[in-house]
Protein backbone atom coordinates (compact mmCIF):
# COMPACT_ATOMS: atom_id res chain seq x y z
CA MET A 1 41.38 66.38 93.08
CA GLN A 2 40.56 63.82 95.76
CA LYS A 3 36.79 63.38 96.09
CA ASN A 4 34.97 62.88 99.42
CA ASN A 5 37.76 64.69 101.29
CA PRO A 6 36.19 65.44 104.71
CA ARG A 7 37.78 68.88 105.03
CA THR A 8 36.58 69.94 101.57
CA ILE A 9 33.09 68.51 102.10
CA ASN A 10 32.71 70.24 105.46
CA ALA A 11 33.93 73.53 103.99
CA TRP A 12 31.42 73.19 101.15
CA CYS A 13 28.60 72.53 103.62
CA MET A 14 29.57 75.66 105.56
CA TYR A 15 28.34 77.88 102.74
CA ASP A 16 24.85 76.66 103.56
CA TRP A 17 25.57 77.75 107.14
CA ALA A 18 26.77 81.13 105.84
CA ASN A 19 24.02 82.03 103.36
CA SER A 20 20.92 80.42 104.90
CA VAL A 21 20.53 83.31 107.34
CA HIS A 22 19.43 85.35 104.33
CA SER A 23 16.71 82.82 103.55
CA LEU A 24 15.43 82.81 107.14
CA VAL A 25 15.83 86.41 108.34
CA ILE A 26 15.45 88.35 105.08
CA VAL A 27 13.13 86.16 103.05
CA SER A 28 10.98 84.28 105.54
CA SER A 29 10.67 86.03 108.89
CA ILE A 30 11.90 89.37 110.21
CA PHE A 31 12.12 91.28 106.93
CA PRO A 32 8.61 90.33 105.65
CA ILE A 33 7.12 91.25 109.05
CA TYR A 34 9.07 94.53 109.15
CA PHE A 35 8.14 95.18 105.51
CA ASN A 36 4.48 94.56 106.24
CA ALA A 37 4.61 97.04 109.15
CA THR A 38 6.71 99.68 107.36
CA ALA A 39 5.33 99.68 103.82
CA LYS A 40 2.32 101.84 104.70
CA ASN A 41 0.82 105.02 103.32
CA GLU A 42 0.45 108.18 105.41
CA GLN A 43 -2.92 106.98 106.74
CA GLY A 44 -1.44 103.65 107.80
CA GLY A 45 -3.05 101.67 104.98
CA ASP A 46 -1.35 99.01 102.87
CA ILE A 47 -2.08 100.66 99.51
CA ILE A 48 1.19 102.45 98.72
CA ASP A 49 2.94 104.29 95.94
CA PHE A 50 6.01 102.64 94.40
CA LEU A 51 7.74 104.34 91.48
CA GLY A 52 4.52 106.10 90.61
CA ILE A 53 2.42 102.93 90.75
CA THR A 54 -0.33 102.41 93.31
CA ILE A 55 -0.05 98.87 94.65
CA LYS A 56 -0.90 96.76 97.70
CA SER A 57 2.20 96.23 99.86
CA SER A 58 1.88 92.42 99.98
CA VAL A 59 1.57 92.32 96.18
CA LEU A 60 4.66 94.55 95.88
CA PHE A 61 6.58 92.08 98.04
CA SER A 62 5.52 89.18 95.82
CA TYR A 63 6.32 91.08 92.60
CA SER A 64 9.74 92.20 93.87
CA VAL A 65 10.66 88.55 94.47
CA SER A 66 9.43 87.68 90.98
CA MET A 67 11.45 90.44 89.31
CA SER A 68 14.62 89.59 91.25
CA PHE A 69 14.62 86.00 90.14
CA LEU A 70 13.69 86.92 86.59
CA LEU A 71 16.87 89.01 86.46
CA VAL A 72 18.86 86.13 87.95
CA ALA A 73 17.44 83.72 85.38
CA LEU A 74 18.60 86.03 82.58
CA LEU A 75 22.04 86.74 84.05
CA ILE A 76 23.28 83.45 85.53
CA PRO A 77 23.64 81.29 82.37
CA PHE A 78 26.18 83.68 80.89
CA CYS A 79 28.08 84.06 84.18
CA THR A 80 28.32 80.29 84.66
CA ALA A 81 29.44 79.74 81.07
CA MET A 82 32.23 82.29 81.50
CA ALA A 83 33.17 80.74 84.85
CA ASP A 84 33.37 77.25 83.34
CA TYR A 85 35.41 78.46 80.38
CA ALA A 86 37.90 80.32 82.58
CA GLY A 87 37.87 77.90 85.52
CA ARG A 88 36.81 80.74 87.83
CA LYS A 89 33.68 79.44 89.56
CA LYS A 90 34.89 80.52 92.98
CA LEU A 91 35.53 84.07 91.76
CA PHE A 92 31.97 84.45 90.50
CA MET A 93 30.63 82.85 93.69
CA LYS A 94 32.49 85.49 95.70
CA LEU A 95 31.15 88.36 93.58
CA PHE A 96 27.53 87.32 94.07
CA CYS A 97 28.10 86.54 97.75
CA TYR A 98 29.57 89.95 98.55
CA THR A 99 26.88 91.74 96.53
CA GLY A 100 24.11 89.98 98.43
CA ALA A 101 25.70 90.47 101.84
CA ALA A 102 26.31 94.19 101.25
CA SER A 103 22.67 94.62 100.17
CA CYS A 104 21.48 92.95 103.38
CA ALA A 105 23.63 95.30 105.44
CA PHE A 106 22.17 98.29 103.54
CA LEU A 107 18.68 97.32 104.70
CA TYR A 108 19.73 98.71 108.09
CA PHE A 109 18.60 102.06 106.61
CA PHE A 110 15.11 100.77 105.67
CA THR A 111 12.40 103.18 106.89
CA ARG A 112 9.14 104.41 105.40
CA ASP A 113 11.07 107.31 103.83
CA THR A 114 13.54 104.98 102.11
CA LEU A 115 10.97 102.44 100.88
CA THR A 116 11.88 102.57 97.20
CA ILE A 117 15.64 102.15 97.56
CA SER A 118 15.15 99.55 100.28
CA VAL A 119 12.96 97.42 98.03
CA LEU A 120 15.68 97.64 95.37
CA ALA A 121 18.28 96.60 97.98
CA PHE A 122 16.07 93.66 98.95
CA MET A 123 15.91 92.63 95.30
CA LEU A 124 19.69 92.94 94.96
CA SER A 125 20.18 90.77 98.05
CA LEU A 126 18.04 88.08 96.41
CA ILE A 127 20.12 88.32 93.22
CA GLY A 128 23.40 88.00 95.14
CA TRP A 129 22.10 85.15 97.29
CA SER A 130 20.63 83.06 94.49
CA GLY A 131 23.50 83.80 92.12
CA SER A 132 26.13 82.57 94.58
CA ILE A 133 24.20 79.37 95.25
CA VAL A 134 24.34 78.16 91.65
CA PHE A 135 28.14 78.20 91.77
CA TYR A 136 28.08 76.65 95.24
CA ASN A 137 25.82 73.80 94.06
CA SER A 138 28.02 73.13 91.04
CA PHE A 139 30.95 72.14 93.26
CA LEU A 140 29.12 69.04 94.56
CA PRO A 141 29.84 66.75 91.55
CA GLU A 142 33.49 67.84 91.64
CA ILE A 143 34.17 67.16 95.32
CA ALA A 144 32.01 64.07 95.97
CA THR A 145 31.10 60.76 94.35
CA GLU A 146 27.54 60.02 93.28
CA GLU A 147 26.61 57.64 96.08
CA ASN A 148 27.29 60.45 98.58
CA PHE A 149 25.36 63.27 96.87
CA ASP A 150 22.16 62.78 98.88
CA ARG A 151 23.96 62.58 102.22
CA TYR A 152 26.24 65.57 101.65
CA SER A 153 23.41 67.68 100.24
CA ALA A 154 21.32 66.90 103.33
CA ARG A 155 24.28 67.78 105.57
CA GLY A 156 24.62 71.16 103.89
CA TYR A 157 20.95 72.02 104.26
CA SER A 158 20.96 70.85 107.88
CA LEU A 159 23.91 73.07 108.74
CA GLY A 160 22.10 75.92 107.01
CA TYR A 161 19.02 75.43 109.14
CA ILE A 162 21.05 75.21 112.35
CA GLY A 163 23.17 78.29 111.62
CA SER A 164 20.23 80.40 110.57
CA VAL A 165 18.28 79.46 113.71
CA LEU A 166 21.21 80.47 115.92
CA LEU A 167 21.40 83.94 114.40
CA MET A 168 17.63 84.16 114.35
CA VAL A 169 17.43 83.50 118.09
CA PHE A 170 19.85 86.36 118.73
CA ASN A 171 17.90 88.68 116.45
CA LEU A 172 14.65 87.57 118.01
CA SER A 173 15.93 88.44 121.47
CA MET A 174 16.49 92.01 120.25
CA VAL A 175 13.06 92.22 118.64
CA LEU A 176 11.18 90.87 121.68
CA PHE A 177 13.33 92.33 124.46
CA PRO A 178 14.94 95.52 123.11
CA ALA A 179 15.36 96.94 126.63
CA MET A 180 17.95 94.23 127.35
CA TYR A 181 20.16 95.90 124.74
CA GLY A 182 19.31 99.46 125.69
CA ILE A 183 17.30 99.96 122.49
CA THR A 184 14.44 102.46 122.52
CA ASP A 185 13.80 102.88 118.78
CA PRO A 186 11.18 100.19 117.90
CA SER A 187 12.50 99.82 114.35
CA LEU A 188 16.15 99.38 115.36
CA PRO A 189 16.13 95.67 116.38
CA ALA A 190 14.84 94.58 112.96
CA ARG A 191 17.27 96.85 111.13
CA ILE A 192 20.20 95.54 113.18
CA SER A 193 19.05 92.04 112.24
CA PHE A 194 19.47 92.86 108.56
CA LEU A 195 22.98 94.14 109.27
CA THR A 196 23.94 90.98 111.18
CA VAL A 197 22.85 88.84 108.22
CA GLY A 198 25.34 90.62 105.96
CA ILE A 199 28.16 90.26 108.49
CA TRP A 200 27.40 86.59 109.26
CA TRP A 201 27.19 85.73 105.55
CA VAL A 202 30.55 87.28 104.66
CA LEU A 203 32.31 85.98 107.77
CA PHE A 204 31.44 82.29 107.43
CA ALA A 205 31.74 82.32 103.62
CA GLN A 206 35.49 82.65 104.09
CA ILE A 207 35.64 78.94 105.10
CA PRO A 208 34.42 77.55 101.75
CA PHE A 209 36.29 80.28 99.88
CA ARG A 210 39.51 79.02 101.47
CA TYR A 211 39.08 75.27 101.01
CA LEU A 212 36.98 74.80 97.86
CA PRO A 213 39.09 73.99 94.79
CA ASN A 214 39.88 76.67 92.26
CA ASN A 215 40.05 75.74 88.56
CA THR A 216 39.70 72.01 89.24
CA HIS A 217 40.30 71.02 85.61
CA ASN A 218 43.27 73.41 85.13
CA LYS A 219 41.61 75.33 82.35
CA SER A 220 43.59 78.05 80.57
CA THR A 221 41.88 81.01 78.98
CA GLU A 222 42.50 82.28 75.47
CA GLY A 223 40.48 85.11 73.99
CA SER A 224 37.38 86.81 75.34
CA TRP A 225 35.64 85.32 78.37
CA ILE A 226 32.33 86.67 77.08
CA PHE A 227 32.62 85.32 73.52
CA ASN A 228 33.89 81.93 74.62
CA GLY A 229 31.33 81.87 77.41
CA PHE A 230 28.55 82.10 74.82
CA ARG A 231 30.13 79.18 72.93
CA GLU A 232 30.34 77.18 76.16
CA LEU A 233 26.69 77.87 76.96
CA LYS A 234 25.59 76.79 73.48
CA LYS A 235 27.57 73.54 73.80
CA VAL A 236 26.09 72.68 77.19
CA PHE A 237 22.56 73.54 76.04
CA GLY A 238 22.93 71.02 73.23
CA GLN A 239 24.12 68.42 75.75
CA VAL A 240 21.20 69.11 78.08
CA ARG A 241 18.72 68.57 75.25
CA SER A 242 20.23 65.16 74.51
CA GLN A 243 19.71 63.89 78.09
CA THR A 244 16.12 62.58 78.24
CA ASN A 245 15.94 61.99 81.99
CA LEU A 246 17.65 65.30 82.68
CA THR A 247 15.15 67.31 80.61
CA ARG A 248 12.21 65.42 82.09
CA TYR A 249 13.51 66.10 85.57
CA LEU A 250 13.97 69.82 84.87
CA LEU A 251 10.37 70.05 83.65
CA ALA A 252 9.00 68.23 86.71
CA PHE A 253 11.22 70.29 89.02
CA PHE A 254 10.02 73.51 87.38
CA VAL A 255 6.38 72.67 88.07
CA PHE A 256 6.50 71.37 91.64
CA ASN A 257 9.10 73.95 92.66
CA MET A 258 6.64 76.73 91.76
CA GLY A 259 4.63 75.57 94.73
CA VAL A 260 7.54 74.85 97.10
CA GLN A 261 9.29 78.18 96.65
CA THR A 262 6.13 80.28 96.65
CA VAL A 263 5.09 78.80 100.00
CA MET A 264 8.52 79.69 101.40
CA TYR A 265 8.29 83.29 100.26
CA VAL A 266 4.69 84.09 101.17
CA ALA A 267 3.97 81.92 104.23
CA THR A 268 4.71 84.73 106.67
CA ILE A 269 2.61 87.23 104.71
CA PHE A 270 -0.23 84.67 104.58
CA GLY A 271 -0.18 84.25 108.36
CA ALA A 272 -0.07 88.00 108.96
CA ASN A 273 -2.73 89.11 106.47
CA GLU A 274 -5.09 86.15 106.13
CA LEU A 275 -5.03 84.75 109.69
CA LYS A 276 -4.10 88.02 111.47
CA LEU A 277 -1.49 86.25 113.59
CA PRO A 278 0.71 88.36 115.89
CA ASP A 279 4.37 88.84 115.04
CA GLN A 280 5.54 86.53 117.82
CA SER A 281 3.42 83.66 116.47
CA LEU A 282 4.79 84.19 112.97
CA ILE A 283 8.39 84.11 114.16
CA ILE A 284 7.76 81.00 116.28
CA THR A 285 6.26 79.38 113.19
CA ILE A 286 9.35 80.14 111.11
CA LEU A 287 11.67 78.75 113.81
CA LEU A 288 9.52 75.62 114.03
CA ILE A 289 9.85 75.10 110.28
CA GLN A 290 13.63 75.46 110.41
CA LEU A 291 14.10 73.02 113.28
CA VAL A 292 11.84 70.34 111.80
CA ALA A 293 13.54 70.81 108.39
CA ILE A 294 16.83 69.52 109.85
CA ALA A 295 15.24 66.12 110.45
CA GLY A 296 13.41 66.35 107.12
CA SER A 297 16.66 66.66 105.16
CA TYR A 298 18.03 63.42 106.59
CA LEU A 299 14.66 61.65 106.38
CA PHE A 300 14.44 62.17 102.63
CA ALA A 301 18.10 61.20 102.15
CA TYR A 302 17.19 57.95 103.93
CA LEU A 303 14.09 57.46 101.75
CA SER A 304 16.15 57.98 98.60
CA SER A 305 18.66 55.34 99.77
CA LYS A 306 15.79 52.84 100.13
CA LEU A 307 13.40 53.82 97.30
CA GLY A 308 15.48 55.88 94.89
CA ASN A 309 15.49 59.63 94.40
CA ILE A 310 12.37 60.05 92.28
CA TYR A 311 10.08 57.96 94.50
CA ALA A 312 11.31 59.90 97.52
CA LEU A 313 10.58 63.18 95.74
CA MET A 314 7.11 61.92 94.77
CA ILE A 315 6.36 61.23 98.43
CA GLY A 316 7.40 64.78 99.27
CA VAL A 317 5.24 66.31 96.53
CA ALA A 318 2.24 64.24 97.65
CA VAL A 319 2.64 65.66 101.17
CA TRP A 320 2.74 69.17 99.68
CA ILE A 321 -0.64 68.51 98.05
CA GLY A 322 -2.01 67.75 101.51
CA ILE A 323 -0.39 70.91 102.90
CA CYS A 324 -2.09 73.12 100.31
CA THR A 325 -5.43 71.49 100.98
CA GLY A 326 -5.00 72.14 104.69
CA ALA A 327 -3.84 75.74 104.14
CA TYR A 328 -7.03 76.56 102.24
CA TYR A 329 -9.15 75.62 105.25
CA VAL A 330 -6.89 76.65 108.14
CA THR A 331 -8.37 79.29 110.45
CA LEU A 332 -6.84 78.74 113.90
CA GLU A 333 -3.34 79.52 115.15
CA THR A 334 -2.79 75.95 116.39
CA GLU A 335 -3.78 74.60 112.96
CA PHE A 336 -1.25 76.94 111.37
CA PHE A 337 1.48 75.61 113.72
CA VAL A 338 0.68 71.99 112.81
CA LEU A 339 0.75 72.86 109.13
CA ALA A 340 4.07 74.66 109.59
CA ALA A 341 5.62 71.56 111.19
CA VAL A 342 4.62 69.46 108.19
CA VAL A 343 5.97 72.15 105.83
CA GLY A 344 9.30 72.03 107.65
CA MET A 345 9.53 68.26 107.35
CA VAL A 346 9.11 68.24 103.56
CA MET A 347 10.75 71.60 102.81
CA GLY A 348 14.23 70.57 103.90
CA GLY A 349 13.93 67.13 102.35
CA ILE A 350 12.65 68.18 98.96
CA GLN A 351 15.21 70.97 98.59
CA SER A 352 18.26 68.87 99.47
CA LEU A 353 17.04 65.90 97.45
CA SER A 354 16.22 68.04 94.41
CA ARG A 355 19.80 69.31 94.30
CA ALA A 356 21.29 65.83 94.78
CA THR A 357 19.02 64.26 92.14
CA TYR A 358 20.06 66.79 89.53
CA SER A 359 23.74 66.15 90.35
CA LYS A 360 23.19 62.44 89.73
CA LEU A 361 21.68 63.07 86.31
CA LEU A 362 24.60 65.12 84.96
CA PRO A 363 26.86 63.50 82.32
CA VAL A 364 29.55 61.39 83.95
CA ASP A 365 32.52 63.22 82.40
CA THR A 366 31.38 66.83 82.30
CA GLN A 367 33.75 69.62 83.31
CA ASP A 368 31.04 72.26 82.87
CA THR A 369 29.25 71.74 86.16
CA ALA A 370 28.52 75.45 86.66
CA SER A 371 26.91 75.72 83.22
CA TYR A 372 24.85 72.60 83.87
CA PHE A 373 23.74 73.96 87.23
CA SER A 374 22.82 77.25 85.56
CA PHE A 375 19.99 75.38 83.81
CA TYR A 376 18.90 74.00 87.17
CA ASP A 377 19.10 77.50 88.62
CA VAL A 378 17.23 79.10 85.71
CA THR A 379 14.54 76.45 86.07
CA GLU A 380 14.33 77.13 89.80
CA LYS A 381 14.23 80.91 89.41
CA ALA A 382 11.75 80.81 86.55
CA SER A 383 9.49 78.66 88.73
CA ILE A 384 9.78 81.22 91.55
CA VAL A 385 8.95 84.04 89.14
CA LEU A 386 5.89 82.29 87.78
CA GLY A 387 4.80 80.87 91.13
CA THR A 388 4.95 84.16 93.04
CA LEU A 389 3.50 86.01 90.06
CA VAL A 390 0.50 83.68 89.85
CA TYR A 391 0.08 83.84 93.62
CA GLY A 392 0.11 87.66 93.57
CA LEU A 393 -2.21 87.90 90.55
CA VAL A 394 -4.79 85.54 92.04
CA GLU A 395 -4.75 87.53 95.29
CA GLN A 396 -5.03 90.83 93.44
CA VAL A 397 -7.96 89.62 91.31
CA THR A 398 -9.89 87.70 93.99
CA GLY A 399 -8.79 89.62 97.08
CA SER A 400 -7.97 86.43 99.01
CA MET A 401 -4.73 84.50 99.48
CA ARG A 402 -6.74 81.33 100.05
CA ASN A 403 -7.62 81.26 96.37
CA SER A 404 -3.92 81.60 95.56
CA VAL A 405 -3.26 78.44 97.58
CA LEU A 406 -5.48 76.48 95.17
CA ALA A 407 -3.17 77.48 92.31
CA LEU A 408 -0.21 76.08 94.26
CA LEU A 409 -2.08 72.81 94.79
CA LEU A 410 -2.45 72.45 91.01
CA PHE A 411 1.31 72.93 90.55
CA PHE A 412 2.02 70.02 92.91
CA VAL A 413 -0.49 67.70 91.22
CA VAL A 414 1.03 68.30 87.78
CA GLY A 415 4.56 68.01 89.19
CA LEU A 416 3.72 64.63 90.71
CA VAL A 417 2.52 63.34 87.34
CA LEU A 418 5.67 64.58 85.59
CA LEU A 419 7.97 62.97 88.19
CA SER A 420 6.30 59.60 87.57
CA ARG A 421 7.81 59.61 84.04
CA ILE A 422 11.39 59.37 85.38
CA PRO A 423 13.03 56.12 86.60
CA SER A 424 13.74 56.07 90.32
CA GLN A 425 17.22 54.77 91.21
CA LYS A 426 19.52 55.06 94.20
CA VAL A 427 22.53 55.65 91.93
CA TYR A 428 22.25 56.50 88.26
CA ARG A 429 25.22 54.44 87.11
CA PHE A 430 24.30 54.23 83.43
CA ARG A 431 24.28 57.91 82.55
CA LEU A 432 25.27 59.35 79.19
CA ASP A 433 28.56 61.15 78.82
CA SER A 434 28.77 64.71 77.49
CA THR A 435 28.78 63.43 73.89
CA GLY A 436 25.45 61.64 74.31
CA ASN A 437 26.91 58.10 74.41
């Protein structure tokens, strides 16, 4: 197919617009705040019972994220291998998308009485969201040429931030001014927000589903998808092992991403529990991060065009080290806002550039982009599992989230060292092909 087609590129970027509302509303802002207020025992304390286990609500939130991404890490490689074998990436992307969106809509029924099933729905929404993204990411090498990866990846993330902020503002108006909508139930605005995420996600996903290519390489299927999918996965795994820069990058990405993703998932809980910030301040903080991240995405695309991808990523990781140092000492609301602005600047940049860098390191002739991106996704999800798990364990053992922040700082330091082992180039023109030549 024709690469760099504007209609196809714009349609691809619209999936960021469609799914990023989950990241903002469900993962980062309204749901964590609602969860923190709802997951209480009968006396109003935060030590609750979940499936017969007594656990602190904030630790349960962290562990549920860890378990969700562990399941994704186990499931996705086989799904992507089957999708590559059959040429059905868009089909699998749809299945995960609709699963995640339906789970978000189900959270409308989240109350204290439905805590257990609502936590499971939250986990399923994470599985659907992250599963669809691996197929979405894998389209980039098929629809664009390498010199445009950074720019298009930044465009996608920017659209995601803009779209999610628009829906967030609407949801926020319900939360802060429920009387404007004739709402008297204090829990209803948040629960409607979860429902709108599911609707928004499905609605705008129809744009990429219509214009993204289906079976780009005209693959025909013979025999079992499952059996041949295993063979496909084994083949790609062997190819990944032969790519030195690719394996080095995956290791570095695994380490620094433990810090990046954990900050994204627990920042709101940190502000609520450690700094005792009011809900309005937390939501303003999240919006600030999203708006600054738009500029951050393009800033790091610019840095990569001047310095190369790896040097640009190293700059981002170095800033994260400073963020963790500041977070350990932060005590005032204004300090938290300043820190959030810096987080937004590097969050958007490091996410979009990480995706683009991996795309550049793939073999030049591969048709198995979904399988290759499954290793990126497994690395990402495994880092989330370990990062949030370590964060939760340190808090549980020491009783303070500030000590958990020190663990994140260590992840960034090690990640910076590992990135320094990879050559930094604007375009990786001399890549190996899928046979290792």
